[in-house]
Amino acid sequence: MSTTSDLITAAVLIGPGALLSIPVLASQRGAAADSATVRRALAASAAERAARTTATDTAPPDGGEGAPAPTAAAPAVRLATVHQLPAARRAA
């Protein structure tokens, strides 16, 4: 094959991918900006909900049964002896 046919083949195979990458990269940049906006809106919403909620208010807004009152967590009971394996192992 000649150099000219190699260049034409490369342009036919690589050209469309290179041209299509431009809008893809532009949309990814826009998605990052949208994500930042969404994160800011979610943070503001979470802050507003946290300000509205009090520690004693356990009833949901629709009037259903409320959440149980928080209790102190009991210490975990160990079921078996745990042996620590050596950190450095031999290569198999």
C-alpha atoms as a PDB file:
ATOM      1  CA  MET A   1       0.000   0.000   0.000  1.00  0.00           C
ATOM      2  CA  SER A   2       1.074   3.472  -0.576  1.00  0.00           C
ATOM      3  CA  THR A   3       1.358   6.215   1.965  1.00  0.00           C
ATOM      4  CA  THR A   4      -1.563   8.056   0.403  1.00  0.00           C
ATOM      5  CA  SER A   5      -3.924   5.124   0.814  1.00  0.00           C
ATOM      6  CA  ASP A   6      -2.754   4.668   4.412  1.00  0.00           C
ATOM      7  CA  LEU A   7      -3.523   8.321   5.162  1.00  0.00           C
ATOM      8  CA  ILE A   8      -6.940   8.078   3.523  1.00  0.00           C
ATOM      9  CA  THR A   9      -7.751   4.909   5.483  1.00  0.00           C
ATOM     10  CA  ALA A  10      -6.648   6.537   8.756  1.00  0.00           C
ATOM     11  CA  ALA A  11      -8.755   9.627   8.011  1.00  0.00           C
ATOM     12  CA  VAL A  12     -11.818   7.491   7.244  1.00  0.00           C
ATOM     13  CA  LEU A  13     -11.434   5.395  10.393  1.00  0.00           C
ATOM     14  CA  ILE A  14     -10.308   8.034  12.896  1.00  0.00           C
ATOM     15  CA  GLY A  15     -11.971  11.169  11.486  1.00  0.00           C
ATOM     16  CA  PRO A  16     -15.582  10.473  12.522  1.00  0.00           C
ATOM     17  CA  GLY A  17     -14.535   9.555  16.062  1.00  0.00           C
ATOM     18  CA  ALA A  18     -12.491  12.717  16.382  1.00  0.00           C
ATOM     19  CA  LEU A  19     -15.366  14.841  15.091  1.00  0.00           C
ATOM     20  CA  LEU A  20     -17.909  13.187  17.379  1.00  0.00           C
ATOM     21  CA  SER A  21     -15.693  13.659  20.426  1.00  0.00           C
ATOM     22  CA  ILE A  22     -16.156  17.437  20.300  1.00  0.00           C
ATOM     23  CA  PRO A  23     -19.883  17.473  21.214  1.00  0.00           C
ATOM     24  CA  VAL A  24     -19.343  14.678  23.726  1.00  0.00           C
ATOM     25  CA  LEU A  25     -16.686  16.676  25.554  1.00  0.00           C
ATOM     26  CA  ALA A  26     -18.871  19.793  25.453  1.00  0.00           C
ATOM     27  CA  SER A  27     -21.797  17.889  26.967  1.00  0.00           C
ATOM     28  CA  GLN A  28     -19.583  16.476  29.717  1.00  0.00           C
ATOM     29  CA  ARG A  29     -18.509  19.995  30.638  1.00  0.00           C
ATOM     30  CA  GLY A  30     -22.170  21.052  30.833  1.00  0.00           C
ATOM     31  CA  ALA A  31     -23.007  17.998  32.942  1.00  0.00           C
ATOM     32  CA  ALA A  32     -20.371  18.986  35.495  1.00  0.00           C
ATOM     33  CA  ALA A  33     -21.893  22.473  35.793  1.00  0.00           C
ATOM     34  CA  ASP A  34     -25.377  20.958  36.135  1.00  0.00           C
ATOM     35  CA  SER A  35     -24.117  18.577  38.812  1.00  0.00           C
ATOM     36  CA  ALA A  36     -22.669  21.454  40.827  1.00  0.00           C
ATOM     37  CA  THR A  37     -26.001  23.286  40.622  1.00  0.00           C
ATOM     38  CA  VAL A  38     -27.905  20.177  41.700  1.00  0.00           C
ATOM     39  CA  ARG A  39     -25.524  19.622  44.645  1.00  0.00           C
ATOM     40  CA  ARG A  40     -26.025  23.223  45.795  1.00  0.00           C
ATOM     41  CA  ALA A  41     -29.814  22.850  45.581  1.00  0.00           C
ATOM     42  CA  LEU A  42     -29.736  19.570  47.515  1.00  0.00           C
ATOM     43  CA  ALA A  43     -27.507  21.080  50.193  1.00  0.00           C
ATOM     44  CA  ALA A  44     -29.876  24.032  50.600  1.00  0.00           C
ATOM     45  CA  SER A  45     -32.851  21.688  50.816  1.00  0.00           C
ATOM     46  CA  ALA A  46     -31.132  19.516  53.416  1.00  0.00           C
ATOM     47  CA  ALA A  47     -30.215  22.574  55.491  1.00  0.00           C
ATOM     48  CA  GLU A  48     -33.811  23.803  55.368  1.00  0.00           C
ATOM     49  CA  ARG A  49     -35.174  20.395  56.419  1.00  0.00           C
ATOM     50  CA  ALA A  50     -32.632  20.175  59.242  1.00  0.00           C
ATOM     51  CA  ALA A  51     -33.670  23.612  60.502  1.00  0.00           C
ATOM     52  CA  ARG A  52     -37.356  22.616  60.457  1.00  0.00           C
ATOM     53  CA  THR A  53     -36.896  19.283  62.218  1.00  0.00           C
ATOM     54  CA  THR A  54     -36.522  19.137  65.959  1.00  0.00           C
ATOM     55  CA  ALA A  55     -35.154  16.264  68.032  1.00  0.00           C
ATOM     56  CA  THR A  56     -38.518  15.566  69.690  1.00  0.00           C
ATOM     57  CA  ASP A  57     -40.571  15.706  66.493  1.00  0.00           C
ATOM     58  CA  THR A  58     -40.831  12.051  65.413  1.00  0.00           C
ATOM     59  CA  ALA A  59     -44.195  12.138  63.623  1.00  0.00           C
ATOM     60  CA  PRO A  60     -44.051  12.181  59.828  1.00  0.00           C
ATOM     61  CA  PRO A  61     -45.696  15.096  58.029  1.00  0.00           C
ATOM     62  CA  ASP A  62     -48.504  12.918  56.606  1.00  0.00           C
ATOM     63  CA  GLY A  63     -49.838  12.095  60.092  1.00  0.00           C
ATOM     64  CA  GLY A  64     -48.701   8.455  60.178  1.00  0.00           C
ATOM     65  CA  GLU A  65     -47.049   6.626  63.027  1.00  0.00           C
ATOM     66  CA  GLY A  66     -43.922   8.333  64.254  1.00  0.00           C
ATOM     67  CA  ALA A  67     -40.455   6.892  64.563  1.00  0.00           C
ATOM     68  CA  PRO A  68     -39.529   5.213  67.836  1.00  0.00           C
ATOM     69  CA  ALA A  69     -37.620   7.276  70.364  1.00  0.00           C
ATOM     70  CA  PRO A  70     -33.870   6.782  70.084  1.00  0.00           C
ATOM     71  CA  THR A  71     -32.339   4.595  72.775  1.00  0.00           C
ATOM     72  CA  ALA A  72     -28.781   4.111  73.914  1.00  0.00           C
ATOM     73  CA  ALA A  73     -27.030   1.407  71.917  1.00  0.00           C
ATOM     74  CA  ALA A  74     -26.087  -1.686  73.873  1.00  0.00           C
ATOM     75  CA  PRO A  75     -22.459  -2.755  73.643  1.00  0.00           C
ATOM     76  CA  ALA A  76     -21.812  -5.425  71.039  1.00  0.00           C
ATOM     77  CA  VAL A  77     -21.535  -8.972  72.336  1.00  0.00           C
ATOM     78  CA  ARG A  78     -18.555 -10.909  71.040  1.00  0.00           C
ATOM     79  CA  LEU A  79     -19.591 -14.274  69.718  1.00  0.00           C
ATOM     80  CA  ALA A  80     -16.156 -15.789  69.186  1.00  0.00           C
ATOM     81  CA  THR A  81     -12.488 -15.100  69.693  1.00  0.00           C
ATOM     82  CA  VAL A  82     -11.017 -13.175  66.785  1.00  0.00           C
ATOM     83  CA  HIS A  83      -7.419 -13.891  65.843  1.00  0.00           C
ATOM     84  CA  GLN A  84      -5.534 -11.292  63.867  1.00  0.00           C
ATOM     85  CA  LEU A  85      -3.631 -12.692  60.908  1.00  0.00           C
ATOM     86  CA  PRO A  86      -0.119 -11.450  60.266  1.00  0.00           C
ATOM     87  CA  ALA A  87      -0.085  -8.433  57.981  1.00  0.00           C
ATOM     88  CA  ALA A  88       2.889  -9.612  55.935  1.00  0.00           C
ATOM     89  CA  ARG A  89       2.201 -12.871  54.108  1.00  0.00           C
ATOM     90  CA  ARG A  90       4.539 -15.003  52.105  1.00  0.00           C
ATOM     91  CA  ALA A  91       4.153 -15.047  48.349  1.00  0.00           C
ATOM     92  CA  ALA A  92       2.338 -18.178  47.234  1.00  0.00           C
END
